[in-house]
């Protein structure tokens, strides 16, 4: 383990707590053609409620996982995401149930 940390194979440790409370959503984003997707992805990570940002292939450029205390806060996060420079369209779905 120490060797993996030393060689930066393991970069960080985290705790993933699922209290069963709150709301989650996936937002699929299209990014404008003149905007670098990695730059938008880094900016999205600073938005309140955004947990994970994935650059993806297909119809959309980015998929964002949002966690918040309630649907109203999810909506505020989506509004903030729409305000990020380069985001041209969003398609957001609320997560009803997760099976792990």
C-alpha atoms as a PDB file:
ATOM      1  CA  UNK A   1       0.000   0.000   0.000  1.00  0.00           C
ATOM      2  CA  UNK A   2       2.761   2.436   0.933  1.00  0.00           C
ATOM      3  CA  UNK A   3       4.503   1.699  -2.367  1.00  0.00           C
ATOM      4  CA  UNK A   4       1.316   2.437  -4.322  1.00  0.00           C
ATOM      5  CA  UNK A   5       0.957   5.751  -2.510  1.00  0.00           C
ATOM      6  CA  UNK A   6       4.634   6.609  -3.010  1.00  0.00           C
ATOM      7  CA  UNK A   7       4.412   5.846  -6.750  1.00  0.00           C
ATOM      8  CA  UNK A   8       1.182   7.867  -6.981  1.00  0.00           C
ATOM      9  CA  UNK A   9      -0.874   4.893  -8.166  1.00  0.00           C
ATOM     10  CA  UNK A  10      -3.182   5.738  -5.260  1.00  0.00           C
ATOM     11  CA  UNK A  11      -3.702   9.482  -5.403  1.00  0.00           C
ATOM     12  CA  UNK A  12      -6.243  10.001  -2.636  1.00  0.00           C
ATOM     13  CA  UNK A  13      -8.561   8.311  -0.165  1.00  0.00           C
ATOM     14  CA  UNK A  14     -12.205   9.195   0.261  1.00  0.00           C
ATOM     15  CA  UNK A  15     -15.309   8.153   2.145  1.00  0.00           C
ATOM     16  CA  UNK A  16     -18.530   7.620   0.191  1.00  0.00           C
ATOM     17  CA  UNK A  17     -21.434   7.876   2.627  1.00  0.00           C
ATOM     18  CA  UNK A  18     -24.972   7.058   1.531  1.00  0.00           C
ATOM     19  CA  UNK A  19     -27.425   8.308   4.126  1.00  0.00           C
ATOM     20  CA  UNK A  20     -30.390   7.540   1.873  1.00  0.00           C
ATOM     21  CA  UNK A  21     -31.458  11.170   2.148  1.00  0.00           C
ATOM     22  CA  UNK A  22     -31.464  13.910  -0.444  1.00  0.00           C
ATOM     23  CA  UNK A  23     -31.811  13.839  -4.187  1.00  0.00           C
ATOM     24  CA  UNK A  24     -29.534  12.980  -7.082  1.00  0.00           C
ATOM     25  CA  UNK A  25     -29.636  13.739 -10.785  1.00  0.00           C
ATOM     26  CA  UNK A  26     -27.684  13.207 -13.979  1.00  0.00           C
ATOM     27  CA  UNK A  27     -27.285  16.176 -16.300  1.00  0.00           C
ATOM     28  CA  UNK A  28     -26.241  15.500 -19.895  1.00  0.00           C
ATOM     29  CA  UNK A  29     -24.595  18.567 -21.436  1.00  0.00           C
ATOM     30  CA  UNK A  30     -23.749  19.709 -24.931  1.00  0.00           C
ATOM     31  CA  UNK A  31     -20.777  22.060 -25.146  1.00  0.00           C
ATOM     32  CA  UNK A  32     -20.415  24.755 -27.803  1.00  0.00           C
ATOM     33  CA  UNK A  33     -18.103  23.899 -30.715  1.00  0.00           C
ATOM     34  CA  UNK A  34     -15.577  26.649 -29.953  1.00  0.00           C
ATOM     35  CA  UNK A  35     -15.153  25.802 -26.265  1.00  0.00           C
ATOM     36  CA  UNK A  36     -12.635  23.214 -25.020  1.00  0.00           C
ATOM     37  CA  UNK A  37     -14.581  20.473 -23.218  1.00  0.00           C
ATOM     38  CA  UNK A  38     -11.884  19.920 -20.534  1.00  0.00           C
ATOM     39  CA  UNK A  39     -12.041  23.611 -19.578  1.00  0.00           C
ATOM     40  CA  UNK A  40     -15.834  23.449 -19.177  1.00  0.00           C
ATOM     41  CA  UNK A  41     -15.519  20.190 -17.209  1.00  0.00           C
ATOM     42  CA  UNK A  42     -13.119  21.804 -14.709  1.00  0.00           C
ATOM     43  CA  UNK A  43     -15.454  24.781 -14.268  1.00  0.00           C
ATOM     44  CA  UNK A  44     -18.455  22.499 -13.730  1.00  0.00           C
ATOM     45  CA  UNK A  45     -16.688  20.754 -10.844  1.00  0.00           C
ATOM     46  CA  UNK A  46     -16.824  24.062  -8.921  1.00  0.00           C
ATOM     47  CA  UNK A  47     -20.638  24.284  -9.146  1.00  0.00           C
ATOM     48  CA  UNK A  48     -22.425  23.638  -5.838  1.00  0.00           C
ATOM     49  CA  UNK A  49     -23.971  20.163  -5.801  1.00  0.00           C
ATOM     50  CA  UNK A  50     -21.822  18.764  -8.610  1.00  0.00           C
ATOM     51  CA  UNK A  51     -20.207  15.557  -7.392  1.00  0.00           C
ATOM     52  CA  UNK A  52     -18.650  14.036 -10.522  1.00  0.00           C
ATOM     53  CA  UNK A  53     -18.044  15.334 -14.049  1.00  0.00           C
ATOM     54  CA  UNK A  54     -17.560  12.799 -16.865  1.00  0.00           C
ATOM     55  CA  UNK A  55     -16.427  13.664 -20.388  1.00  0.00           C
ATOM     56  CA  UNK A  56     -18.369  11.249 -22.608  1.00  0.00           C
ATOM     57  CA  UNK A  57     -18.900  10.227 -26.224  1.00  0.00           C
ATOM     58  CA  UNK A  58     -22.147  10.278 -28.174  1.00  0.00           C
ATOM     59  CA  UNK A  59     -24.863  12.889 -28.464  1.00  0.00           C
ATOM     60  CA  UNK A  60     -23.638  14.762 -25.379  1.00  0.00           C
ATOM     61  CA  UNK A  61     -20.175  15.913 -24.355  1.00  0.00           C
ATOM     62  CA  UNK A  62     -20.396  15.806 -20.556  1.00  0.00           C
ATOM     63  CA  UNK A  63     -22.409  13.913 -17.924  1.00  0.00           C
ATOM     64  CA  UNK A  64     -22.629  15.502 -14.477  1.00  0.00           C
ATOM     65  CA  UNK A  65     -23.699  13.703 -11.294  1.00  0.00           C
ATOM     66  CA  UNK A  66     -25.455  16.094  -8.914  1.00  0.00           C
ATOM     67  CA  UNK A  67     -26.267  15.470  -5.233  1.00  0.00           C
ATOM     68  CA  UNK A  68     -28.343  17.873  -3.138  1.00  0.00           C
ATOM     69  CA  UNK A  69     -30.588  17.867  -0.072  1.00  0.00           C
ATOM     70  CA  UNK A  70     -33.760  18.214  -2.182  1.00  0.00           C
ATOM     71  CA  UNK A  71     -35.112  18.690  -5.714  1.00  0.00           C
ATOM     72  CA  UNK A  72     -35.148  22.463  -5.298  1.00  0.00           C
ATOM     73  CA  UNK A  73     -31.389  22.430  -4.690  1.00  0.00           C
ATOM     74  CA  UNK A  74     -30.932  20.147  -7.706  1.00  0.00           C
ATOM     75  CA  UNK A  75     -32.801  22.755  -9.752  1.00  0.00           C
ATOM     76  CA  UNK A  76     -30.504  25.511  -8.451  1.00  0.00           C
ATOM     77  CA  UNK A  77     -27.448  23.441  -9.382  1.00  0.00           C
ATOM     78  CA  UNK A  78     -28.831  22.887 -12.888  1.00  0.00           C
ATOM     79  CA  UNK A  79     -29.447  26.644 -13.222  1.00  0.00           C
ATOM     80  CA  UNK A  80     -25.828  27.254 -12.188  1.00  0.00           C
ATOM     81  CA  UNK A  81     -24.621  24.624 -14.674  1.00  0.00           C
ATOM     82  CA  UNK A  82     -26.554  26.356 -17.460  1.00  0.00           C
ATOM     83  CA  UNK A  83     -24.728  29.566 -16.562  1.00  0.00           C
ATOM     84  CA  UNK A  84     -21.274  28.052 -17.131  1.00  0.00           C
ATOM     85  CA  UNK A  85     -19.654  29.462 -20.245  1.00  0.00           C
ATOM     86  CA  UNK A  86     -19.676  26.890 -23.044  1.00  0.00           C
ATOM     87  CA  UNK A  87     -22.739  24.910 -21.909  1.00  0.00           C
ATOM     88  CA  UNK A  88     -25.185  25.103 -24.800  1.00  0.00           C
ATOM     89  CA  UNK A  89     -27.896  22.564 -23.849  1.00  0.00           C
ATOM     90  CA  UNK A  90     -28.788  20.387 -20.870  1.00  0.00           C
ATOM     91  CA  UNK A  91     -30.936  17.286 -20.413  1.00  0.00           C
ATOM     92  CA  UNK A  92     -31.423  16.461 -16.731  1.00  0.00           C
ATOM     93  CA  UNK A  93     -32.949  13.336 -15.206  1.00  0.00           C
ATOM     94  CA  UNK A  94     -33.699  12.742 -11.526  1.00  0.00           C
ATOM     95  CA  UNK A  95     -32.381   9.479 -10.123  1.00  0.00           C
ATOM     96  CA  UNK A  96     -35.245   7.520  -8.538  1.00  0.00           C
ATOM     97  CA  UNK A  97     -33.296   4.518  -7.232  1.00  0.00           C
ATOM     98  CA  UNK A  98     -29.699   3.293  -7.316  1.00  0.00           C
ATOM     99  CA  UNK A  99     -28.778  -0.369  -7.099  1.00  0.00           C
ATOM    100  CA  UNK A 100     -25.208  -1.061  -5.946  1.00  0.00           C
END
